[in-house]
Amino acid sequence: MTLKVQKSISVNTLKIFSFELKLYLDFSNLREYYFQAVSNSSWANEGYLVCLEIKDDIELFNELKRLNNAFGIGIIKLNKDDVSQSEILLPAVEKPIWIGIQLID
């Protein structure tokens, strides 16, 4: 399907994003949610953990930065009232994804 879309819009490359959406992030669920995002973004160029609410805790944010440096998953605080006003707290690290299929006309 991705290859059909790529061919139909006449582009040579696509950038694929993965978003793991959660309601609330704190230390009690950090590891579970973060590593779900890591696992579920293995096929994407960039992966994000998107949370409606993130506990305001400097230790939590420091751990998120450490995990971001180690695994590259970005963190987005979702603004439910205006999605365009959501904030990228930590950007994802882009990774190349190679699809081993050649397009044939």
PDB file of N, CA and C in Angstrom:
ATOM      1  N   MET A   1       0.815  -1.191   0.000  1.00  0.00           N
ATOM      2  CA  MET A   1       0.000   0.000   0.000  1.00  0.00           C
ATOM      3  C   MET A   1       0.861   1.257   0.000  1.00  0.00           C
ATOM      4  N   THR A   2       1.899   1.298   0.840  1.00  0.00           N
ATOM      5  CA  THR A   2       2.791   2.452   0.894  1.00  0.00           C
ATOM      6  C   THR A   2       3.440   2.689  -0.460  1.00  0.00           C
ATOM      7  N   LEU A   3       3.834   1.606  -1.120  1.00  0.00           N
ATOM      8  CA  LEU A   3       4.466   1.755  -2.426  1.00  0.00           C
ATOM      9  C   LEU A   3       3.494   2.288  -3.462  1.00  0.00           C
ATOM     10  N   LYS A   4       2.223   1.886  -3.388  1.00  0.00           N
ATOM     11  CA  LYS A   4       1.210   2.414  -4.317  1.00  0.00           C
ATOM     12  C   LYS A   4       1.028   3.922  -4.117  1.00  0.00           C
ATOM     13  N   VAL A   5       0.944   4.333  -2.861  1.00  0.00           N
ATOM     14  CA  VAL A   5       0.803   5.765  -2.564  1.00  0.00           C
ATOM     15  C   VAL A   5       2.022   6.520  -3.066  1.00  0.00           C
ATOM     16  N   GLN A   6       3.200   5.998  -2.773  1.00  0.00           N
ATOM     17  CA  GLN A   6       4.431   6.647  -3.197  1.00  0.00           C
ATOM     18  C   GLN A   6       4.468   6.809  -4.718  1.00  0.00           C
ATOM     19  N   LYS A   7       4.090   5.778  -5.419  1.00  0.00           N
ATOM     20  CA  LYS A   7       4.095   5.819  -6.883  1.00  0.00           C
ATOM     21  C   LYS A   7       3.031   6.780  -7.407  1.00  0.00           C
ATOM     22  N   SER A   8       1.856   6.787  -6.796  1.00  0.00           N
ATOM     23  CA  SER A   8       0.764   7.630  -7.298  1.00  0.00           C
ATOM     24  C   SER A   8       1.028   9.121  -7.088  1.00  0.00           C
ATOM     25  N   ILE A   9       1.822   9.491  -6.083  1.00  0.00           N
ATOM     26  CA  ILE A   9       2.114  10.911  -5.889  1.00  0.00           C
ATOM     27  C   ILE A   9       3.487  11.287  -6.447  1.00  0.00           C
ATOM     28  N   SER A  10       4.110  10.365  -7.122  1.00  0.00           N
ATOM     29  CA  SER A  10       5.370  10.604  -7.845  1.00  0.00           C
ATOM     30  C   SER A  10       6.485  11.163  -6.967  1.00  0.00           C
ATOM     31  N   VAL A  11       6.726  10.518  -5.855  1.00  0.00           N
ATOM     32  CA  VAL A  11       7.860  10.892  -5.019  1.00  0.00           C
ATOM     33  C   VAL A  11       8.776   9.688  -4.860  1.00  0.00           C
ATOM     34  N   ASN A  12      10.043   9.965  -4.664  1.00  0.00           N
ATOM     35  CA  ASN A  12      11.009   8.883  -4.509  1.00  0.00           C
ATOM     36  C   ASN A  12      11.165   8.435  -3.067  1.00  0.00           C
ATOM     37  N   THR A  13      10.876   9.340  -2.126  1.00  0.00           N
ATOM     38  CA  THR A  13      11.029   8.982  -0.721  1.00  0.00           C
ATOM     39  C   THR A  13       9.803   9.419   0.074  1.00  0.00           C
ATOM     40  N   LEU A  14       9.561   8.701   1.128  1.00  0.00           N
ATOM     41  CA  LEU A  14       8.501   9.036   2.078  1.00  0.00           C
ATOM     42  C   LEU A  14       9.097   9.046   3.473  1.00  0.00           C
ATOM     43  N   LYS A  15       8.570   9.895   4.336  1.00  0.00           N
ATOM     44  CA  LYS A  15       8.956   9.897   5.741  1.00  0.00           C
ATOM     45  C   LYS A  15       7.759   9.381   6.524  1.00  0.00           C
ATOM     46  N   ILE A  16       7.967   8.326   7.291  1.00  0.00           N
ATOM     47  CA  ILE A  16       6.879   7.670   8.007  1.00  0.00           C
ATOM     48  C   ILE A  16       7.028   7.926   9.507  1.00  0.00           C
ATOM     49  N   PHE A  17       5.914   8.343  10.136  1.00  0.00           N
ATOM     50  CA  PHE A  17       5.888   8.656  11.563  1.00  0.00           C
ATOM     51  C   PHE A  17       5.037   7.629  12.305  1.00  0.00           C
ATOM     52  N   SER A  18       5.388   7.414  13.558  1.00  0.00           N
ATOM     53  CA  SER A  18       4.609   6.555  14.443  1.00  0.00           C
ATOM     54  C   SER A  18       4.258   7.371  15.683  1.00  0.00           C
ATOM     55  N   PHE A  19       2.991   7.278  16.111  1.00  0.00           N
ATOM     56  CA  PHE A  19       2.535   8.004  17.292  1.00  0.00           C
ATOM     57  C   PHE A  19       1.860   7.033  18.253  1.00  0.00           C
ATOM     58  N   GLU A  20       2.363   6.974  19.473  1.00  0.00           N
ATOM     59  CA  GLU A  20       1.766   6.173  20.545  1.00  0.00           C
ATOM     60  C   GLU A  20       1.033   7.160  21.448  1.00  0.00           C
ATOM     61  N   LEU A  21      -0.287   7.089  21.476  1.00  0.00           N
ATOM     62  CA  LEU A  21      -1.109   8.070  22.189  1.00  0.00           C
ATOM     63  C   LEU A  21      -1.534   7.533  23.558  1.00  0.00           C
ATOM     64  N   LYS A  22      -1.278   8.343  24.594  1.00  0.00           N
ATOM     65  CA  LYS A  22      -1.639   7.986  25.966  1.00  0.00           C
ATOM     66  C   LYS A  22      -2.307   9.176  26.636  1.00  0.00           C
ATOM     67  N   LEU A  23      -3.150   8.890  27.630  1.00  0.00           N
ATOM     68  CA  LEU A  23      -3.848   9.959  28.342  1.00  0.00           C
ATOM     69  C   LEU A  23      -2.971  10.679  29.354  1.00  0.00           C
ATOM     70  N   TYR A  24      -2.207   9.915  30.160  1.00  0.00           N
ATOM     71  CA  TYR A  24      -1.477  10.517  31.266  1.00  0.00           C
ATOM     72  C   TYR A  24      -0.142   9.809  31.440  1.00  0.00           C
ATOM     73  N   LEU A  25       0.928  10.580  31.585  1.00  0.00           N
ATOM     74  CA  LEU A  25       2.263  10.019  31.763  1.00  0.00           C
ATOM     75  C   LEU A  25       2.849  10.475  33.092  1.00  0.00           C
ATOM     76  N   ASP A  26       3.302   9.499  33.875  1.00  0.00           N
ATOM     77  CA  ASP A  26       4.046   9.782  35.108  1.00  0.00           C
ATOM     78  C   ASP A  26       5.042   8.643  35.296  1.00  0.00           C
ATOM     79  N   PHE A  27       5.764   8.638  36.417  1.00  0.00           N
ATOM     80  CA  PHE A  27       6.777   7.599  36.632  1.00  0.00           C
ATOM     81  C   PHE A  27       6.190   6.197  36.704  1.00  0.00           C
ATOM     82  N   SER A  28       4.936   6.067  37.164  1.00  0.00           N
ATOM     83  CA  SER A  28       4.351   4.728  37.329  1.00  0.00           C
ATOM     84  C   SER A  28       4.107   4.017  35.996  1.00  0.00           C
ATOM     85  N   ASN A  29       3.947   4.774  34.918  1.00  0.00           N
ATOM     86  CA  ASN A  29       3.673   4.139  33.620  1.00  0.00           C
ATOM     87  C   ASN A  29       4.722   4.478  32.555  1.00  0.00           C
ATOM     88  N   LEU A  30       5.746   5.227  32.936  1.00  0.00           N
ATOM     89  CA  LEU A  30       6.751   5.692  31.983  1.00  0.00           C
ATOM     90  C   LEU A  30       7.391   4.563  31.187  1.00  0.00           C
ATOM     91  N   ARG A  31       7.938   3.588  31.854  1.00  0.00           N
ATOM     92  CA  ARG A  31       8.647   2.496  31.152  1.00  0.00           C
ATOM     93  C   ARG A  31       7.712   1.746  30.205  1.00  0.00           C
ATOM     94  N   GLU A  32       6.541   1.390  30.688  1.00  0.00           N
ATOM     95  CA  GLU A  32       5.592   0.656  29.846  1.00  0.00           C
ATOM     96  C   GLU A  32       5.243   1.450  28.593  1.00  0.00           C
ATOM     97  N   TYR A  33       4.847   2.701  28.766  1.00  0.00           N
ATOM     98  CA  TYR A  33       4.419   3.528  27.632  1.00  0.00           C
ATOM     99  C   TYR A  33       5.572   3.848  26.687  1.00  0.00           C
ATOM    100  N   TYR A  34       6.725   4.169  27.259  1.00  0.00           N
ATOM    101  CA  TYR A  34       7.858   4.539  26.419  1.00  0.00           C
ATOM    102  C   TYR A  34       8.287   3.361  25.549  1.00  0.00           C
ATOM    103  N   PHE A  35       8.390   2.179  26.139  1.00  0.00           N
ATOM    104  CA  PHE A  35       8.863   1.041  25.369  1.00  0.00           C
ATOM    105  C   PHE A  35       7.789   0.473  24.439  1.00  0.00           C
ATOM    106  N   GLN A  36       6.521   0.766  24.684  1.00  0.00           N
ATOM    107  CA  GLN A  36       5.501   0.486  23.680  1.00  0.00           C
ATOM    108  C   GLN A  36       5.761   1.359  22.449  1.00  0.00           C
ATOM    109  N   ALA A  37       6.088   2.624  22.694  1.00  0.00           N
ATOM    110  CA  ALA A  37       6.393   3.538  21.587  1.00  0.00           C
ATOM    111  C   ALA A  37       7.638   3.078  20.829  1.00  0.00           C
ATOM    112  N   VAL A  38       8.654   2.628  21.553  1.00  0.00           N
ATOM    113  CA  VAL A  38       9.863   2.113  20.900  1.00  0.00           C
ATOM    114  C   VAL A  38       9.510   0.919  20.017  1.00  0.00           C
ATOM    115  N   SER A  39       8.792  -0.028  20.578  1.00  0.00           N
ATOM    116  CA  SER A  39       8.428  -1.239  19.852  1.00  0.00           C
ATOM    117  C   SER A  39       7.539  -0.950  18.649  1.00  0.00           C
ATOM    118  N   ASN A  40       6.543  -0.104  18.849  1.00  0.00           N
ATOM    119  CA  ASN A  40       5.580   0.155  17.781  1.00  0.00           C
ATOM    120  C   ASN A  40       6.090   1.105  16.706  1.00  0.00           C
ATOM    121  N   SER A  41       7.270   1.676  16.901  1.00  0.00           N
ATOM    122  CA  SER A  41       7.802   2.592  15.898  1.00  0.00           C
ATOM    123  C   SER A  41       8.979   1.997  15.138  1.00  0.00           C
ATOM    124  N   SER A  42       9.210   0.715  15.280  1.00  0.00           N
ATOM    125  CA  SER A  42      10.372   0.094  14.630  1.00  0.00           C
ATOM    126  C   SER A  42      10.319   0.223  13.111  1.00  0.00           C
ATOM    127  N   TRP A  43       9.152   0.398  12.541  1.00  0.00           N
ATOM    128  CA  TRP A  43       8.974   0.514  11.096  1.00  0.00           C
ATOM    129  C   TRP A  43       8.981   1.963  10.614  1.00  0.00           C
ATOM    130  N   ALA A  44       9.084   2.925  11.515  1.00  0.00           N
ATOM    131  CA  ALA A  44       8.929   4.341  11.172  1.00  0.00           C
ATOM    132  C   ALA A  44      10.268   5.083  11.171  1.00  0.00           C
ATOM    133  N   ASN A  45      10.312   6.185  10.425  1.00  0.00           N
ATOM    134  CA  ASN A  45      11.491   7.053  10.451  1.00  0.00           C
ATOM    135  C   ASN A  45      11.575   7.818  11.766  1.00  0.00           C
ATOM    136  N   GLU A  46      10.431   8.204  12.314  1.00  0.00           N
ATOM    137  CA  GLU A  46      10.393   8.910  13.593  1.00  0.00           C
ATOM    138  C   GLU A  46       9.242   8.369  14.436  1.00  0.00           C
ATOM    139  N   GLY A  47       9.512   8.173  15.713  1.00  0.00           N
ATOM    140  CA  GLY A  47       8.485   7.690  16.632  1.00  0.00           C
ATOM    141  C   GLY A  47       8.266   8.679  17.762  1.00  0.00           C
ATOM    142  N   TYR A  48       7.006   8.830  18.160  1.00  0.00           N
ATOM    143  CA  TYR A  48       6.645   9.767  19.224  1.00  0.00           C
ATOM    144  C   TYR A  48       5.731   9.110  20.238  1.00  0.00           C
ATOM    145  N   LEU A  49       5.931   9.471  21.505  1.00  0.00           N
ATOM    146  CA  LEU A  49       4.989   9.177  22.571  1.00  0.00           C
ATOM    147  C   LEU A  49       4.210  10.465  22.786  1.00  0.00           C
ATOM    148  N   VAL A  50       2.908  10.411  22.540  1.00  0.00           N
ATOM    149  CA  VAL A  50       2.048  11.596  22.599  1.00  0.00           C
ATOM    150  C   VAL A  50       1.134  11.451  23.814  1.00  0.00           C
ATOM    151  N   CYS A  51       1.155  12.453  24.698  1.00  0.00           N
ATOM    152  CA  CYS A  51       0.387  12.371  25.934  1.00  0.00           C
ATOM    153  C   CYS A  51      -0.493  13.599  26.107  1.00  0.00           C
ATOM    154  N   LEU A  52      -1.714  13.350  26.542  1.00  0.00           N
ATOM    155  CA  LEU A  52      -2.635  14.438  26.827  1.00  0.00           C
ATOM    156  C   LEU A  52      -2.182  15.209  28.062  1.00  0.00           C
ATOM    157  N   GLU A  53      -1.732  14.487  29.068  1.00  0.00           N
ATOM    158  CA  GLU A  53      -1.216  15.114  30.296  1.00  0.00           C
ATOM    159  C   GLU A  53       0.095  14.448  30.677  1.00  0.00           C
ATOM    160  N   ILE A  54       1.052  15.275  31.097  1.00  0.00           N
ATOM    161  CA  ILE A  54       2.340  14.781  31.579  1.00  0.00           C
ATOM    162  C   ILE A  54       2.574  15.405  32.949  1.00  0.00           C
ATOM    163  N   LYS A  55       2.824  14.564  33.927  1.00  0.00           N
ATOM    164  CA  LYS A  55       3.048  15.066  35.280  1.00  0.00           C
ATOM    165  C   LYS A  55       4.215  16.054  35.268  1.00  0.00           C
ATOM    166  N   ASP A  56       4.023  17.187  35.898  1.00  0.00           N
ATOM    167  CA  ASP A  56       5.052  18.218  35.987  1.00  0.00           C
ATOM    168  C   ASP A  56       6.048  17.810  37.062  1.00  0.00           C
ATOM    169  N   ASP A  57       7.128  17.148  36.627  1.00  0.00           N
ATOM    170  CA  ASP A  57       8.106  16.584  37.547  1.00  0.00           C
ATOM    171  C   ASP A  57       9.469  16.616  36.862  1.00  0.00           C
ATOM    172  N   ILE A  58      10.423  17.331  37.426  1.00  0.00           N
ATOM    173  CA  ILE A  58      11.749  17.480  36.815  1.00  0.00           C
ATOM    174  C   ILE A  58      12.458  16.140  36.677  1.00  0.00           C
ATOM    175  N   GLU A  59      12.279  15.245  37.646  1.00  0.00           N
ATOM    176  CA  GLU A  59      12.909  13.923  37.556  1.00  0.00           C
ATOM    177  C   GLU A  59      12.319  13.118  36.397  1.00  0.00           C
ATOM    178  N   LEU A  60      11.012  13.223  36.188  1.00  0.00           N
ATOM    179  CA  LEU A  60      10.362  12.554  35.059  1.00  0.00           C
ATOM    180  C   LEU A  60      10.916  13.105  33.752  1.00  0.00           C
ATOM    181  N   PHE A  61      11.020  14.431  33.633  1.00  0.00           N
ATOM    182  CA  PHE A  61      11.515  15.036  32.404  1.00  0.00           C
ATOM    183  C   PHE A  61      12.981  14.650  32.158  1.00  0.00           C
ATOM    184  N   ASN A  62      13.784  14.595  33.217  1.00  0.00           N
ATOM    185  CA  ASN A  62      15.178  14.168  33.058  1.00  0.00           C
ATOM    186  C   ASN A  62      15.263  12.729  32.561  1.00  0.00           C
ATOM    187  N   GLU A  63      14.393  11.870  33.056  1.00  0.00           N
ATOM    188  CA  GLU A  63      14.371  10.478  32.589  1.00  0.00           C
ATOM    189  C   GLU A  63      13.901  10.407  31.134  1.00  0.00           C
ATOM    190  N   LEU A  64      12.923  11.236  30.766  1.00  0.00           N
ATOM    191  CA  LEU A  64      12.478  11.287  29.366  1.00  0.00           C
ATOM    192  C   LEU A  64      13.626  11.727  28.455  1.00  0.00           C
ATOM    193  N   LYS A  65      14.406  12.696  28.887  1.00  0.00           N
ATOM    194  CA  LYS A  65      15.563  13.145  28.092  1.00  0.00           C
ATOM    195  C   LYS A  65      16.587  12.023  27.944  1.00  0.00           C
ATOM    196  N   ARG A  66      16.822  11.301  29.034  1.00  0.00           N
ATOM    197  CA  ARG A  66      17.781  10.192  28.981  1.00  0.00           C
ATOM    198  C   ARG A  66      17.312   9.112  28.005  1.00  0.00           C
ATOM    199  N   LEU A  67      16.025   8.761  28.092  1.00  0.00           N
ATOM    200  CA  LEU A  67      15.474   7.754  27.187  1.00  0.00           C
ATOM    201  C   LEU A  67      15.477   8.238  25.745  1.00  0.00           C
ATOM    202  N   ASN A  68      15.187   9.523  25.552  1.00  0.00           N
ATOM    203  CA  ASN A  68      15.218  10.107  24.210  1.00  0.00           C
ATOM    204  C   ASN A  68      16.620   9.994  23.616  1.00  0.00           C
ATOM    205  N   ASN A  69      17.642  10.283  24.409  1.00  0.00           N
ATOM    206  CA  ASN A  69      19.027  10.159  23.933  1.00  0.00           C
ATOM    207  C   ASN A  69      19.388   8.718  23.605  1.00  0.00           C
ATOM    208  N   ALA A  70      18.857   7.780  24.377  1.00  0.00           N
ATOM    209  CA  ALA A  70      19.191   6.367  24.185  1.00  0.00           C
ATOM    210  C   ALA A  70      18.406   5.709  23.054  1.00  0.00           C
ATOM    211  N   PHE A  71      17.114   6.064  22.907  1.00  0.00           N
ATOM    212  CA  PHE A  71      16.250   5.339  21.974  1.00  0.00           C
ATOM    213  C   PHE A  71      15.628   6.205  20.879  1.00  0.00           C
ATOM    214  N   GLY A  72      15.697   7.526  21.020  1.00  0.00           N
ATOM    215  CA  GLY A  72      15.252   8.416  19.957  1.00  0.00           C
ATOM    216  C   GLY A  72      13.773   8.686  19.844  1.00  0.00           C
ATOM    217  N   ILE A  73      12.982   8.196  20.786  1.00  0.00           N
ATOM    218  CA  ILE A  73      11.541   8.446  20.736  1.00  0.00           C
ATOM    219  C   ILE A  73      11.270   9.860  21.245  1.00  0.00           C
ATOM    220  N   GLY A  74      10.525  10.631  20.454  1.00  0.00           N
ATOM    221  CA  GLY A  74      10.183  11.986  20.837  1.00  0.00           C
ATOM    222  C   GLY A  74       8.978  12.022  21.770  1.00  0.00           C
ATOM    223  N   ILE A  75       8.784  13.158  22.405  1.00  0.00           N
ATOM    224  CA  ILE A  75       7.674  13.341  23.347  1.00  0.00           C
ATOM    225  C   ILE A  75       6.865  14.559  22.895  1.00  0.00           C
ATOM    226  N   ILE A  76       5.554  14.366  22.761  1.00  0.00           N
ATOM    227  CA  ILE A  76       4.650  15.456  22.396  1.00  0.00           C
ATOM    228  C   ILE A  76       3.596  15.593  23.481  1.00  0.00           C
ATOM    229  N   LYS A  77       3.381  16.824  23.945  1.00  0.00           N
ATOM    230  CA  LYS A  77       2.269  17.115  24.858  1.00  0.00           C
ATOM    231  C   LYS A  77       1.110  17.599  23.991  1.00  0.00           C
ATOM    232  N   LEU A  78       0.051  16.803  23.950  1.00  0.00           N
ATOM    233  CA  LEU A  78      -1.097  17.067  23.095  1.00  0.00           C
ATOM    234  C   LEU A  78      -2.012  18.113  23.706  1.00  0.00           C
ATOM    235  N   ASN A  79      -2.377  19.103  22.919  1.00  0.00           N
ATOM    236  CA  ASN A  79      -3.351  20.102  23.334  1.00  0.00           C
ATOM    237  C   ASN A  79      -4.701  19.651  22.794  1.00  0.00           C
ATOM    238  N   LYS A  80      -5.581  19.179  23.675  1.00  0.00           N
ATOM    239  CA  LYS A  80      -6.864  18.614  23.240  1.00  0.00           C
ATOM    240  C   LYS A  80      -7.803  19.660  22.658  1.00  0.00           C
ATOM    241  N   ASP A  81      -7.638  20.910  23.052  1.00  0.00           N
ATOM    242  CA  ASP A  81      -8.520  21.963  22.552  1.00  0.00           C
ATOM    243  C   ASP A  81      -8.105  22.478  21.180  1.00  0.00           C
ATOM    244  N   ASP A  82      -6.804  22.450  20.903  1.00  0.00           N
ATOM    245  CA  ASP A  82      -6.290  22.913  19.624  1.00  0.00           C
ATOM    246  C   ASP A  82      -5.042  22.099  19.302  1.00  0.00           C
ATOM    247  N   VAL A  83      -5.225  21.041  18.530  1.00  0.00           N
ATOM    248  CA  VAL A  83      -4.135  20.106  18.238  1.00  0.00           C
ATOM    249  C   VAL A  83      -2.934  20.827  17.615  1.00  0.00           C
ATOM    250  N   SER A  84      -3.188  21.866  16.836  1.00  0.00           N
ATOM    251  CA  SER A  84      -2.081  22.595  16.212  1.00  0.00           C
ATOM    252  C   SER A  84      -1.209  23.325  17.244  1.00  0.00           C
ATOM    253  N   GLN A  85      -1.712  23.460  18.458  1.00  0.00           N
ATOM    254  CA  GLN A  85      -0.954  24.096  19.528  1.00  0.00           C
ATOM    255  C   GLN A  85      -0.254  23.071  20.429  1.00  0.00           C
ATOM    256  N   SER A  86      -0.242  21.807  20.023  1.00  0.00           N
ATOM    257  CA  SER A  86       0.478  20.777  20.771  1.00  0.00           C
ATOM    258  C   SER A  86       1.967  21.101  20.744  1.00  0.00           C
ATOM    259  N   GLU A  87       2.680  20.625  21.759  1.00  0.00           N
ATOM    260  CA  GLU A  87       4.080  21.005  21.923  1.00  0.00           C
ATOM    261  C   GLU A  87       4.996  19.788  21.848  1.00  0.00           C
ATOM    262  N   ILE A  88       6.008  19.872  20.995  1.00  0.00           N
ATOM    263  CA  ILE A  88       7.040  18.833  20.948  1.00  0.00           C
ATOM    264  C   ILE A  88       8.032  19.152  22.062  1.00  0.00           C
ATOM    265  N   LEU A  89       8.003  18.351  23.116  1.00  0.00           N
ATOM    266  CA  LEU A  89       8.898  18.564  24.253  1.00  0.00           C
ATOM    267  C   LEU A  89      10.298  18.048  23.952  1.00  0.00           C
ATOM    268  N   LEU A  90      10.364  16.917  23.284  1.00  0.00           N
ATOM    269  CA  LEU A  90      11.633  16.325  22.859  1.00  0.00           C
ATOM    270  C   LEU A  90      11.439  15.801  21.441  1.00  0.00           C
ATOM    271  N   PRO A  91      12.235  16.237  20.482  1.00  0.00           N
ATOM    272  CA  PRO A  91      12.061  15.756  19.111  1.00  0.00           C
ATOM    273  C   PRO A  91      12.563  14.319  18.963  1.00  0.00           C
ATOM    274  N   ALA A  92      11.941  13.600  18.057  1.00  0.00           N
ATOM    275  CA  ALA A  92      12.392  12.248  17.763  1.00  0.00           C
ATOM    276  C   ALA A  92      13.688  12.312  16.963  1.00  0.00           C
ATOM    277  N   VAL A  93      14.477  11.271  17.085  1.00  0.00           N
ATOM    278  CA  VAL A  93      15.686  11.135  16.275  1.00  0.00           C
ATOM    279  C   VAL A  93      15.284  10.377  15.017  1.00  0.00           C
ATOM    280  N   GLU A  94      15.552  10.991  13.869  1.00  0.00           N
ATOM    281  CA  GLU A  94      15.179  10.351  12.599  1.00  0.00           C
ATOM    282  C   GLU A  94      16.111   9.183  12.323  1.00  0.00           C
ATOM    283  N   LYS A  95      15.506   8.074  11.897  1.00  0.00           N
ATOM    284  CA  LYS A  95      16.301   6.909  11.516  1.00  0.00           C
ATOM    285  C   LYS A  95      15.906   6.500  10.107  1.00  0.00           C
ATOM    286  N   PRO A  96      16.864   6.059   9.330  1.00  0.00           N
ATOM    287  CA  PRO A  96      16.526   5.628   7.965  1.00  0.00           C
ATOM    288  C   PRO A  96      15.814   4.278   7.992  1.00  0.00           C
ATOM    289  N   ILE A  97      14.814   4.157   7.171  1.00  0.00           N
ATOM    290  CA  ILE A  97      14.099   2.884   7.008  1.00  0.00           C
ATOM    291  C   ILE A  97      14.203   2.511   5.538  1.00  0.00           C
ATOM    292  N   TRP A  98      14.711   1.345   5.264  1.00  0.00           N
ATOM    293  CA  TRP A  98      14.866   0.913   3.889  1.00  0.00           C
ATOM    294  C   TRP A  98      13.837  -0.164   3.581  1.00  0.00           C
ATOM    295  N   ILE A  99      13.118   0.039   2.495  1.00  0.00           N
ATOM    296  CA  ILE A  99      12.153  -0.972   2.043  1.00  0.00           C
ATOM    297  C   ILE A  99      12.825  -1.750   0.929  1.00  0.00           C
ATOM    298  N   GLY A 100      12.952  -3.040   1.125  1.00  0.00           N
ATOM    299  CA  GLY A 100      13.674  -3.878   0.178  1.00  0.00           C
ATOM    300  C   GLY A 100      12.837  -4.337  -0.993  1.00  0.00           C
ATOM    301  N   ILE A 101      12.025  -3.449  -1.547  1.00  0.00           N
ATOM    302  CA  ILE A 101      11.167  -3.792  -2.688  1.00  0.00           C
ATOM    303  C   ILE A 101      11.405  -2.747  -3.773  1.00  0.00           C
ATOM    304  N   GLN A 102      11.622  -3.203  -4.961  1.00  0.00           N
ATOM    305  CA  GLN A 102      11.832  -2.285  -6.070  1.00  0.00           C
ATOM    306  C   GLN A 102      10.518  -2.098  -6.808  1.00  0.00           C
ATOM    307  N   LEU A 103      10.215  -0.826  -7.139  1.00  0.00           N
ATOM    308  CA  LEU A 103       9.012  -0.558  -7.918  1.00  0.00           C
ATOM    309  C   LEU A 103       9.240  -0.971  -9.356  1.00  0.00           C
ATOM    310  N   ILE A 104       8.307  -1.704  -9.888  1.00  0.00           N
ATOM    311  CA  ILE A 104       8.409  -2.169 -11.285  1.00  0.00           C
ATOM    312  C   ILE A 104       7.170  -1.694 -12.018  1.00  0.00           C
ATOM    313  N   ASP A 105       7.378  -1.037 -13.169  1.00  0.00           N
ATOM    314  CA  ASP A 105       6.239  -0.582 -13.987  1.00  0.00           C
ATOM    315  C   ASP A 105       5.699  -1.708 -14.827  1.00  0.00           C
TER     316      ASP A 105
END
